C-alpha cells in the first residue's frame, strides 16, 4: 500500500468540499480532496442554480437594502432561536464575501429576482450561477494550481483518531486501500439522503411517500464515522422539504408536463383522511408547501372533477404555475402567469393512472373507497369547498379568493397523489461557528470539521424560506472550515 501524506483531507467534492479545499490551499497548506463519484460538484453543482447572500456588492449596486443583520434577524425569527446563533451569524456574515471569492476563482454569479412567486416583495437575495459547469471547472483548476490533489472514485473507510489527534485516514481509491497521514479532516460528503437505512430511521413519515431529489452518493459515511467517535448527532433527522411531486410507482424517471403543471396549482387538496389541511396557494412557497406535505403524512391528493377537466382542455387559465418563475429566471424569459390549455389532459391523466399516481372514480363514494377514506368525510369536504366557492371566500384556511374557482361536483373525479419531496438532509453532527465537530458534551473534537449537509445548527426543524440558503450554507461553512483548518 502506498502511503500518502498531506496536511488536510477533505471528504466530499461538492460545493462545501470545494469551498473548504480551495480555501485551505489558498492559505498555504497541502490538501487531498476525496470524491466518491467520477465527477466533482455534487448537489451544489448538479442540483443548485445559485446561492443566497446578504450585503453583496451586486445587491449594493442594485440598491438592495438587505444587510447581514436583517438576514440574521429573519433567520432567527424563522427558527424561533432553536438554531445555533453563532453559526448562523458566521454563515450570513461570510455570504457577501463568498460571492466575490467565487467570482475571483472563476465562478461568477448574477443577482436575479427571487425565484418563487410569494417572495417577489422580499429584497432580492438569489445569486444565480453564470456559466455554471465551466465555473466549477475553473474552481477545481484553481485548487489544483495551488498544489491540491483531487482523488475521484475514492471513499473514506476509517479514521484512526485518538486523544484529539488523527493518526491515520484509510481510503478506498479505485478499489485499492491506501492510508493517508494528515493532521485534520473536513467531512463535507453531503449528509445521508442516499442511505436508505438511515433515511428510514430518521424520517418521520413512511419512506414510500418520500421522493428524493438529493445526492445519491451522500450515504452518511462521514456522519457515521463521527458518530463512532462520540460526535453529537442529536441534530440528525431534518430534511430539506421542498414542494411535492407526483411520482410513478413503476418508473422513477416518469414525467408528464401536464401533471407537473397541475401539481403546481392551488386546486382542492385533501389529506389521507379526506380533509382539507391548508390554504392550497401555499404552493407558491416551496419550503412551506414541502413542510405542509411532510407534516400531513408525506402525501396528499389534489382533486379535479370532469367540469374542471373539460375547462382546462380548451381554455387558458390565468393562474401562475408555481415553478414558472424558477424556470423563467434561469432562462431569462418573461413570465406569462398563465397555464394551459391542456389539450391532451384526459390522456395525460390516464397515463398518471397507469403509472399508479392517480385514481379515477365516477362518484365521491367510489373515490373514497379507492383512496381508503371515509366517504362521509370526503363528501362533506367537497360540499364545504363548493359552498365556499359559491360564497367567494375560504372561511377555513383563507386561500386567496381568486383561486376559489373550480368546484368538485361532477363526476368522474380524479385524485392525483402528490408526495413529500426532499432535496437532501440538512441535519448532521453538531458544530461550532468555526465548524469544529462537537462531542456529546458539547466540547470541540480537535482537528475534525463537518460542513454543509454534514453539519447541524443552521436550521430548526425545516428548510427556511430564504432562497438559496442551503447552498450558501454549503459554500460558507466550507470556506470557514478550510480557513480555520489551515490557520490553526
Protein backbone atom coordinates (compact mmCIF):
# COMPACT_ATOMS: atom_id res chain seq x y z
CA UNK A 1 0.00 0.00 0.00
CA UNK A 2 1.29 3.43 -0.97
CA UNK A 3 1.11 5.85 1.94
CA UNK A 4 0.06 9.42 1.21
CA UNK A 5 0.96 12.50 3.22
CA UNK A 6 -0.88 15.80 3.42
CA UNK A 7 -1.98 18.43 5.92
CA UNK A 8 -5.75 18.22 5.43
CA UNK A 9 -8.10 15.64 3.97
CA UNK A 10 -11.44 16.94 2.71
CA UNK A 11 -14.10 14.26 2.24
CA UNK A 12 -16.57 15.18 -0.48
CA UNK A 13 -16.12 17.43 -3.52
CA UNK A 14 -19.42 19.28 -3.71
CA UNK A 15 -19.84 22.98 -3.01
CA UNK A 16 -18.92 22.58 0.64
CA UNK A 17 -15.90 20.39 -0.01
CA UNK A 18 -14.60 22.55 -2.84
CA UNK A 19 -15.10 25.63 -0.69
CA UNK A 20 -13.11 24.04 2.13
CA UNK A 21 -10.35 22.59 -0.04
CA UNK A 22 -9.74 25.73 -2.10
CA UNK A 23 -9.81 28.00 0.95
CA UNK A 24 -7.29 25.78 2.69
CA UNK A 25 -4.78 25.63 -0.18
CA UNK A 26 -5.10 29.39 -0.61
CA UNK A 27 -3.77 29.62 2.93
CA UNK A 28 -0.67 27.63 2.15
CA UNK A 29 -1.39 24.06 3.25
CA UNK A 30 -1.49 20.76 1.42
CA UNK A 31 -4.92 19.25 0.76
CA UNK A 32 -6.22 15.98 -0.62
CA UNK A 33 -9.85 16.21 -1.76
CA UNK A 34 -11.80 12.95 -1.96
CA UNK A 35 -14.78 12.44 -4.27
CA UNK A 36 -16.74 9.18 -4.17
CA UNK A 37 -18.04 9.50 -7.72
CA UNK A 38 -16.41 10.05 -11.07
CA UNK A 39 -17.32 13.75 -11.16
CA UNK A 40 -16.91 16.52 -8.62
CA UNK A 41 -19.58 19.14 -7.98
CA UNK A 42 -22.25 17.29 -6.03
CA UNK A 43 -25.66 18.79 -5.37
CA UNK A 44 -24.11 22.26 -5.27
CA UNK A 45 -23.40 21.97 -8.99
CA UNK A 46 -25.80 19.38 -10.42
CA UNK A 47 -28.81 20.48 -8.36
CA UNK A 48 -28.43 24.12 -7.35
CA UNK A 49 -28.57 27.11 -9.67
CA UNK A 50 -27.23 29.68 -7.22
CA UNK A 51 -26.94 30.78 -3.63
CA UNK A 52 -28.11 33.27 -1.05
CA UNK A 53 -26.13 36.30 0.08
CA UNK A 54 -26.81 39.40 2.15
CA UNK A 55 -24.98 42.66 1.57
CA UNK A 56 -23.12 41.60 -1.58
CA UNK A 57 -21.62 44.14 -3.95
CA UNK A 58 -24.22 43.04 -6.52
CA UNK A 59 -27.01 43.88 -4.10
CA UNK A 60 -25.41 47.19 -3.24
CA UNK A 61 -25.07 48.07 -6.92
CA UNK A 62 -28.77 47.29 -7.38
CA UNK A 63 -29.63 49.41 -4.33
CA UNK A 64 -30.97 46.38 -2.47
CA UNK A 65 -31.13 47.29 1.20
CA UNK A 66 -30.75 43.92 2.89
CA UNK A 67 -27.95 43.67 5.42
CA UNK A 68 -26.46 40.63 7.15
CA UNK A 69 -28.11 41.90 10.33
CA UNK A 70 -31.53 41.87 8.65
CA UNK A 71 -30.90 38.37 7.29
CA UNK A 72 -29.78 37.11 10.69
CA UNK A 73 -32.88 38.52 12.35
CA UNK A 74 -35.09 36.92 9.71
CA UNK A 75 -33.44 33.54 10.20
CA UNK A 76 -33.78 33.74 13.97
CA UNK A 77 -37.45 34.63 13.66
CA UNK A 78 -37.98 31.62 11.39
CA UNK A 79 -36.17 29.17 13.71
CA UNK A 80 -37.52 30.75 16.94
CA UNK A 81 -33.93 30.77 18.24
CA UNK A 82 -33.86 26.97 18.17
CA UNK A 83 -30.79 27.14 15.92
CA UNK A 84 -27.11 27.85 16.57
CA UNK A 85 -26.96 31.64 16.74
CA UNK A 86 -23.19 31.95 16.42
CA UNK A 87 -23.07 29.59 13.46
CA UNK A 88 -25.97 31.33 11.73
CA UNK A 89 -24.31 34.72 12.16
CA UNK A 90 -20.97 33.43 10.89
CA UNK A 91 -22.55 31.96 7.75
CA UNK A 92 -24.56 35.07 6.92
CA UNK A 93 -21.70 37.45 7.67
CA UNK A 94 -19.48 35.47 5.27
CA UNK A 95 -22.06 35.31 2.48
CA UNK A 96 -21.31 38.59 0.69
CA UNK A 97 -17.58 37.93 0.61
CA UNK A 98 -18.21 34.47 -0.79
CA UNK A 99 -19.88 35.96 -3.86
CA UNK A 100 -16.67 37.91 -4.54
CA UNK A 101 -14.50 34.92 -3.67
CA UNK A 102 -16.33 32.67 -6.11
CA UNK A 103 -16.01 35.25 -8.87
CA UNK A 104 -12.30 35.72 -8.20
CA UNK A 105 -11.78 31.99 -8.50
CA UNK A 106 -13.80 31.54 -11.69
CA UNK A 107 -17.49 31.13 -10.78
CA UNK A 108 -19.39 34.36 -11.33
CA UNK A 109 -22.98 35.00 -10.29
CA UNK A 110 -25.70 37.45 -11.17
CA UNK A 111 -28.29 38.93 -8.84
CA UNK A 112 -31.71 37.86 -10.11
CA UNK A 113 -35.25 38.23 -8.93
CA UNK A 114 -36.24 35.83 -6.18
CA UNK A 115 -37.34 32.65 -7.87
CA UNK A 116 -40.59 31.97 -6.02
CA UNK A 117 -43.78 33.87 -6.58
CA UNK A 118 -44.54 34.83 -2.99
CA UNK A 119 -41.04 36.22 -2.43
CA UNK A 120 -41.22 39.00 -5.00
CA UNK A 121 -41.67 41.68 -2.34
CA UNK A 122 -38.70 40.38 -0.37
CA UNK A 123 -35.31 42.05 -1.03
CA UNK A 124 -33.50 40.13 -3.74
CA UNK A 125 -31.06 37.60 -2.30
CA UNK A 126 -30.64 34.95 -5.01
CA UNK A 127 -27.27 35.00 -6.80
CA UNK A 128 -27.58 32.76 -9.84
CA UNK A 129 -24.55 31.00 -11.26
CA UNK A 130 -23.21 32.19 -14.59
CA UNK A 131 -21.72 29.53 -16.87
CA UNK A 132 -22.12 27.07 -14.02
CA UNK A 133 -20.30 23.96 -15.19
CA UNK A 134 -17.36 25.85 -16.66
CA UNK A 135 -17.21 27.90 -13.47
CA UNK A 136 -16.96 24.81 -11.27
CA UNK A 137 -14.24 23.50 -13.58
CA UNK A 138 -12.31 26.75 -13.08
CA UNK A 139 -12.63 26.41 -9.30
CA UNK A 140 -11.15 22.93 -9.46
CA UNK A 141 -8.35 24.05 -11.74
CA UNK A 142 -7.61 26.83 -9.26
CA UNK A 143 -7.46 24.27 -6.43
CA UNK A 144 -5.06 22.08 -8.39
CA UNK A 145 -2.91 25.09 -9.35
CA UNK A 146 -2.21 25.62 -5.63
CA UNK A 147 -0.98 22.04 -5.35
CA UNK A 148 -4.26 20.48 -4.27
CA UNK A 149 -4.92 16.85 -5.18
CA UNK A 150 -8.33 15.55 -6.27
CA UNK A 151 -9.00 11.82 -5.97
CA UNK A 152 -12.21 10.69 -7.68
CA UNK A 153 -13.83 7.29 -7.14
CA UNK A 154 -12.46 7.48 -3.63
CA UNK A 155 -14.22 6.97 -0.30
CA UNK A 156 -13.08 7.12 3.29
CA UNK A 157 -13.09 3.75 5.07
CA UNK A 158 -11.85 4.52 8.55
CA UNK A 159 -10.34 7.20 10.73
CA UNK A 160 -7.83 6.45 13.50
CA UNK A 161 -8.49 9.27 15.96
CA UNK A 162 -7.07 9.23 19.46
CA UNK A 163 -6.97 11.96 22.11
CA UNK A 164 -7.68 14.71 19.61
CA UNK A 165 -5.02 13.54 17.17
CA UNK A 166 -5.57 11.98 13.77
CA UNK A 167 -3.26 9.00 13.50
CA UNK A 168 -4.31 7.94 10.03
CA UNK A 169 -7.09 8.02 7.44
CA UNK A 170 -7.75 4.91 5.37
CA UNK A 171 -9.32 5.37 1.94
CA UNK A 172 -10.52 3.18 -0.91
CA UNK A 173 -9.20 4.62 -4.17
CA UNK A 174 -10.45 2.76 -7.24
CA UNK A 175 -10.70 -0.45 -5.23
CA UNK A 176 -7.27 -0.08 -3.64
CA UNK A 177 -6.91 0.76 0.04
CA UNK A 178 -4.43 3.48 0.88
CA UNK A 179 -3.51 5.15 4.17
CA UNK A 180 -3.15 8.92 4.43
CA UNK A 181 -1.17 10.71 7.10
CA UNK A 182 -2.74 14.07 7.86
CA UNK A 183 -3.41 16.42 10.77
CA UNK A 184 -7.02 17.46 10.07
CA UNK A 185 -10.12 16.07 8.33
CA UNK A 186 -13.05 18.07 7.00
CA UNK A 187 -16.16 15.97 6.40
CA UNK A 188 -18.16 17.51 3.55
CA UNK A 189 -19.78 14.48 1.94
CA UNK A 190 -23.33 15.78 1.81
CA UNK A 191 -25.35 14.19 4.60
CA UNK A 192 -27.16 10.87 4.28
CA UNK A 193 -30.09 11.20 1.87
CA UNK A 194 -28.60 8.41 -0.27
CA UNK A 195 -28.56 5.96 2.63
CA UNK A 196 -31.94 4.19 2.67
CA UNK A 197 -31.41 2.64 6.10
CA UNK A 198 -30.51 5.96 7.74
CA UNK A 199 -33.35 7.77 5.97
CA UNK A 200 -35.83 5.17 7.18
CA UNK A 201 -34.53 5.55 10.72
CA UNK A 202 -34.77 9.34 10.93
CA UNK A 203 -37.73 10.02 8.64
CA UNK A 204 -40.99 10.86 10.39
CA UNK A 205 -43.11 9.57 7.50
CA UNK A 206 -43.27 6.29 5.61
CA UNK A 207 -40.27 6.29 3.28
CA UNK A 208 -42.52 5.06 0.46
CA UNK A 209 -44.03 8.55 0.45
CA UNK A 210 -40.69 10.36 0.15
CA UNK A 211 -39.40 11.37 -3.26
CA UNK A 212 -35.72 12.24 -3.07
CA UNK A 213 -34.06 14.66 -5.45
CA UNK A 214 -30.91 14.61 -3.34
CA UNK A 215 -27.39 13.42 -3.99
CA UNK A 216 -27.44 9.61 -4.20
CA UNK A 217 -23.75 9.41 -3.28
CA UNK A 218 -24.48 11.12 0.05
CA UNK A 219 -24.70 7.95 2.12
CA UNK A 220 -23.68 9.32 5.52
CA UNK A 221 -20.13 7.98 5.52
CA UNK A 222 -18.70 10.95 7.39
CA UNK A 223 -21.57 11.20 9.85
CA UNK A 224 -21.31 7.51 10.70
CA UNK A 225 -17.58 7.73 11.31
CA UNK A 226 -18.03 10.77 13.52
CA UNK A 227 -20.83 9.05 15.41
CA UNK A 228 -18.45 6.21 16.22
CA UNK A 229 -16.11 8.81 17.72
CA UNK A 230 -18.85 10.16 20.04
CA UNK A 231 -19.82 13.22 17.98
CA UNK A 232 -23.13 14.84 18.88
CA UNK A 233 -25.63 13.50 16.35
CA UNK A 234 -28.77 14.77 18.09
CA UNK A 235 -29.44 17.13 15.17
CA UNK A 236 -29.93 14.34 12.64
CA UNK A 237 -33.36 13.96 11.12
CA UNK A 238 -34.03 17.33 9.47
CA UNK A 239 -34.90 17.03 5.81
CA UNK A 240 -34.89 19.76 3.17
CA UNK A 241 -38.58 19.54 2.32
CA UNK A 242 -39.19 21.22 -1.00
CA UNK A 243 -42.56 21.26 -2.77
CA UNK A 244 -44.33 17.98 -3.61
CA UNK A 245 -44.11 15.61 -6.57
CA UNK A 246 -46.35 13.21 -8.45
CA UNK A 247 -44.36 10.01 -8.66
CA UNK A 248 -44.80 6.83 -10.69
CA UNK A 249 -44.89 3.56 -8.79
CA UNK A 250 -43.39 1.80 -11.80
CA UNK A 251 -40.90 4.23 -13.34
CA UNK A 252 -38.90 6.65 -11.13
CA UNK A 253 -37.95 8.68 -14.22
CA UNK A 254 -41.53 9.19 -15.37
CA UNK A 255 -42.52 12.80 -16.00
CA UNK A 256 -45.61 14.29 -17.60
CA UNK A 257 -45.66 18.04 -18.25
CA UNK A 258 -49.40 18.41 -17.79
CA UNK A 259 -49.45 16.53 -14.48
CA UNK A 260 -46.42 18.52 -13.34
CA UNK A 261 -48.18 21.83 -14.04
CA UNK A 262 -51.42 20.72 -12.38
CA UNK A 263 -49.45 19.78 -9.26
CA UNK A 264 -48.12 23.34 -9.11
CA UNK A 265 -51.57 24.96 -8.93
CA UNK A 266 -53.91 25.59 -5.97
CA UNK A 267 -56.81 23.24 -6.70
CA UNK A 268 -58.54 21.36 -3.88
CA UNK A 269 -56.11 19.33 -1.78
CA UNK A 270 -57.16 16.58 0.64
CA UNK A 271 -55.12 14.63 3.16
CA UNK A 272 -55.22 10.91 3.88
CA UNK A 273 -58.40 11.40 5.93
CA UNK A 274 -60.20 13.20 3.11
CA UNK A 275 -59.99 16.65 4.68
CA UNK A 276 -58.53 19.94 3.53
CA UNK A 277 -55.46 20.74 5.58
CA UNK A 278 -54.02 24.03 4.28
CA UNK A 279 -54.63 27.03 2.04
CA UNK A 280 -53.64 25.48 -1.25
CA UNK A 281 -51.99 28.65 -2.52
CA UNK A 282 -49.12 27.69 -0.21
CA UNK A 283 -47.98 26.02 -3.43
CA UNK A 284 -46.22 29.30 -4.20
CA UNK A 285 -43.72 28.90 -1.34
CA UNK A 286 -41.73 25.72 -1.88
CA UNK A 287 -40.43 25.30 1.69
CA UNK A 288 -43.83 25.81 3.31
CA UNK A 289 -45.51 23.64 0.68
CA UNK A 290 -42.98 20.91 1.40
CA UNK A 291 -43.37 21.25 5.17
CA UNK A 292 -47.14 21.06 4.97
CA UNK A 293 -46.96 17.90 2.87
CA UNK A 294 -44.45 16.31 5.23
CA UNK A 295 -46.44 17.03 8.37
CA UNK A 296 -49.58 15.55 6.83
CA UNK A 297 -48.07 12.12 6.47
CA UNK A 298 -45.95 12.79 3.42
CA UNK A 299 -48.65 13.00 0.78
CA UNK A 300 -51.97 14.46 -0.25
CA UNK A 301 -54.31 14.28 -3.24
CA UNK A 302 -55.38 17.13 -5.45
CA UNK A 303 -58.85 16.53 -6.82
CA UNK A 304 -60.37 17.55 -10.15
CA UNK A 305 -63.83 16.86 -11.47
CA UNK A 306 -64.92 16.42 -15.07
CA UNK A 307 -66.14 20.01 -15.46
CA UNK A 308 -62.68 21.25 -14.45
CA UNK A 309 -61.01 18.81 -16.85
CA UNK A 310 -63.23 19.97 -19.70
CA UNK A 311 -62.44 23.61 -18.97
CA UNK A 312 -58.68 23.06 -18.75
CA UNK A 313 -58.69 21.10 -22.01
CA UNK A 314 -59.83 24.05 -24.11
CA UNK A 315 -59.08 27.18 -22.05
CA UNK A 316 -56.08 29.09 -20.87
CA UNK A 317 -56.12 29.70 -17.11
CA UNK A 318 -54.77 32.93 -15.63
CA UNK A 319 -53.05 31.17 -12.75
CA UNK A 320 -49.28 31.04 -12.35
CA UNK A 321 -47.52 27.69 -12.37
CA UNK A 322 -45.55 27.90 -9.12
CA UNK A 323 -42.37 26.75 -10.86
CA UNK A 324 -42.68 29.14 -13.81
CA UNK A 325 -40.63 31.90 -12.21
CA UNK A 326 -37.86 29.46 -11.29
CA UNK A 327 -37.52 28.28 -14.88
CA UNK A 328 -38.02 31.72 -16.45
CA UNK A 329 -35.36 33.21 -14.18
CA UNK A 330 -32.88 30.57 -15.28
CA UNK A 331 -33.66 31.11 -18.97
CA UNK A 332 -34.11 34.91 -18.67
CA UNK A 333 -37.52 34.70 -20.33
CA UNK A 334 -40.55 36.84 -19.41
CA UNK A 335 -43.29 35.49 -17.17
CA UNK A 336 -46.67 34.54 -18.64
CA UNK A 337 -48.65 33.95 -15.42
CA UNK A 338 -50.86 31.54 -17.36
CA UNK A 339 -51.20 27.80 -17.87
CA UNK A 340 -52.94 25.71 -20.50
CA UNK A 341 -54.90 24.89 -22.37
CA UNK A 342 -54.05 21.23 -21.77
CA UNK A 343 -55.36 19.70 -24.96
CA UNK A 344 -54.26 16.16 -24.01
CA UNK A 345 -55.29 16.36 -20.36
CA UNK A 346 -57.51 13.27 -20.46
CA UNK A 347 -54.79 11.07 -21.92
CA UNK A 348 -52.27 12.63 -19.52
CA UNK A 349 -54.49 11.74 -16.57
CA UNK A 350 -54.88 8.21 -17.92
CA UNK A 351 -51.10 7.99 -18.09
CA UNK A 352 -50.89 9.04 -14.44
CA UNK A 353 -53.44 6.37 -13.54
CA UNK A 354 -51.47 3.75 -15.46
CA UNK A 355 -48.36 4.81 -13.54
CA UNK A 356 -50.16 4.29 -10.23
CA UNK A 357 -50.05 8.01 -9.43
CA UNK A 358 -53.76 8.79 -9.74
CA UNK A 359 -57.20 7.24 -9.49
CA UNK A 360 -60.48 7.90 -11.33
CA UNK A 361 -63.93 7.25 -9.90
CA UNK A 362 -67.45 8.04 -11.05
CA UNK A 363 -68.82 9.12 -7.64
CA UNK A 364 -67.44 10.59 -4.40
CA UNK A 365 -68.28 7.32 -2.66
CA UNK A 366 -66.27 5.30 -5.15
CA UNK A 367 -63.39 7.76 -4.93
CA UNK A 368 -63.41 7.47 -1.13
CA UNK A 369 -63.30 3.71 -1.43
CA UNK A 370 -60.40 3.82 -3.89
CA UNK A 371 -58.45 6.13 -1.57
CA UNK A 372 -59.46 4.22 1.58
CA UNK A 373 -61.08 7.36 3.00
CA UNK A 374 -64.34 7.67 4.93
CA UNK A 375 -66.98 8.55 2.33
CA UNK A 376 -68.94 10.88 4.61
CA UNK A 377 -65.80 12.87 5.37
CA UNK A 378 -64.90 13.19 1.69
CA UNK A 379 -68.43 14.18 0.64
CA UNK A 380 -68.54 16.76 3.43
CA UNK A 381 -65.18 18.19 2.26
CA UNK A 382 -66.49 18.51 -1.29
CA UNK A 383 -69.74 20.15 -0.15
CA UNK A 384 -67.99 22.65 2.12
CA UNK A 385 -65.48 23.54 -0.56
CA UNK A 386 -68.17 24.01 -3.19
CA UNK A 387 -70.13 26.23 -0.83
CA UNK A 388 -67.05 28.39 -0.21
CA UNK A 389 -66.72 28.82 -3.97
CA UNK A 390 -70.35 29.90 -4.11
CA UNK A 391 -69.70 32.41 -1.31
CA UNK A 392 -66.42 33.58 -2.81
CA UNK A 393 -64.47 33.24 0.47
CA UNK A 394 -62.37 30.50 2.06
CA UNK A 395 -63.53 30.63 5.66
CA UNK A 396 -61.49 27.56 6.56
CA UNK A 397 -57.90 28.35 5.51
CA UNK A 398 -58.19 31.74 3.79
CA UNK A 399 -56.99 30.75 0.35
CA UNK A 400 -57.00 33.79 -1.90
CA UNK A 401 -60.46 34.36 -3.35
CA UNK A 402 -59.10 34.33 -6.91
CA UNK A 403 -58.35 30.61 -6.54
CA UNK A 404 -61.89 29.70 -5.46
CA UNK A 405 -62.93 28.88 -8.96
CA UNK A 406 -63.30 25.15 -9.61
CA UNK A 407 -65.90 23.13 -7.76
CA UNK A 408 -65.61 19.40 -7.24
CA UNK A 409 -69.14 18.34 -8.13
CA UNK A 410 -69.47 16.50 -11.45
CA UNK A 411 -68.07 13.02 -11.96
CA UNK A 412 -65.94 11.38 -12.95
CA UNK A 413 -63.47 12.55 -10.30
CA UNK A 414 -59.68 12.36 -10.47
CA UNK A 415 -57.42 12.25 -7.40
CA UNK A 416 -53.69 12.67 -8.10
CA UNK A 417 -51.23 11.81 -5.35
CA UNK A 418 -48.51 14.38 -4.57
CA UNK A 419 -45.68 13.12 -2.37
CA UNK A 420 -43.26 14.73 0.03
CA UNK A 421 -40.10 15.78 -1.81
CA UNK A 422 -36.67 16.39 -0.35
CA UNK A 423 -33.50 17.92 -1.74
CA UNK A 424 -31.42 16.24 0.95
CA UNK A 425 -30.77 16.02 4.65
CA UNK A 426 -29.85 19.27 6.41
CA UNK A 427 -29.33 17.95 9.91
CA UNK A 428 -25.93 16.47 10.74
CA UNK A 429 -23.47 16.47 13.59
CA UNK A 430 -23.20 19.41 15.98
CA UNK A 431 -20.56 22.04 15.17
CA UNK A 432 -19.45 25.41 16.48
CA UNK A 433 -19.18 28.61 14.48
CA UNK A 434 -15.82 27.51 13.05
CA UNK A 435 -17.34 24.16 12.00
CA UNK A 436 -15.36 22.15 14.56
CA UNK A 437 -17.19 18.93 15.35
CA UNK A 438 -18.62 18.83 18.88
CA UNK A 439 -18.94 15.74 21.03
CA UNK A 440 -21.98 14.75 23.08
CA UNK A 441 -20.80 17.01 25.92
CA UNK A 442 -20.60 19.99 23.58
CA UNK A 443 -16.80 20.03 23.54
CA UNK A 444 -14.64 20.54 20.44
CA UNK A 445 -13.26 17.40 18.84
CA UNK A 446 -9.90 18.80 17.86
CA UNK A 447 -8.86 18.59 14.21
CA UNK A 448 -12.27 17.37 12.98
CA UNK A 449 -14.70 19.53 10.97
CA UNK A 450 -18.12 18.96 9.45
CA UNK A 451 -19.62 21.23 6.80
CA UNK A 452 -22.62 21.53 4.51
CA UNK A 453 -25.25 18.84 4.97
CA UNK A 454 -22.98 17.02 7.40
CA UNK A 455 -23.43 19.83 9.94
CA UNK A 456 -26.44 20.79 12.01
CA UNK A 457 -27.27 24.08 13.70
CA UNK A 458 -28.32 26.41 10.89
CA UNK A 459 -31.92 25.24 10.87
CA UNK A 460 -34.57 24.22 13.36
CA UNK A 461 -36.93 21.56 12.03
CA UNK A 462 -37.14 22.60 8.38
CA UNK A 463 -35.59 24.38 5.47
CA UNK A 464 -36.14 28.17 5.74
CA UNK A 465 -37.86 30.34 3.16
CA UNK A 466 -34.72 32.37 2.34
CA UNK A 467 -33.94 31.33 -1.21
CA UNK A 468 -30.58 29.68 -1.78
CA UNK A 469 -29.70 29.44 1.91
CA UNK A 470 -28.74 25.75 1.92
CA UNK A 471 -26.31 26.24 -0.96
CA UNK A 472 -24.97 29.34 0.79
CA UNK A 473 -24.50 27.27 3.93
CA UNK A 474 -22.52 24.74 1.92
CA UNK A 475 -20.13 27.28 0.40
CA UNK A 476 -19.70 29.41 3.51
CA UNK A 477 -19.36 26.57 6.01
CA UNK A 478 -16.76 25.01 3.73
CA UNK A 479 -14.80 28.24 3.44
CA UNK A 480 -14.89 28.86 7.19
CA UNK A 481 -13.71 25.32 7.97
CA UNK A 482 -10.98 25.39 5.32
CA UNK A 483 -9.61 28.70 6.52
CA UNK A 484 -9.68 27.65 10.17
CA UNK A 485 -8.06 24.29 9.49
CA UNK A 486 -5.27 25.94 7.51
CA UNK A 487 -4.57 28.72 10.01
CA UNK A 488 -4.73 26.70 13.21
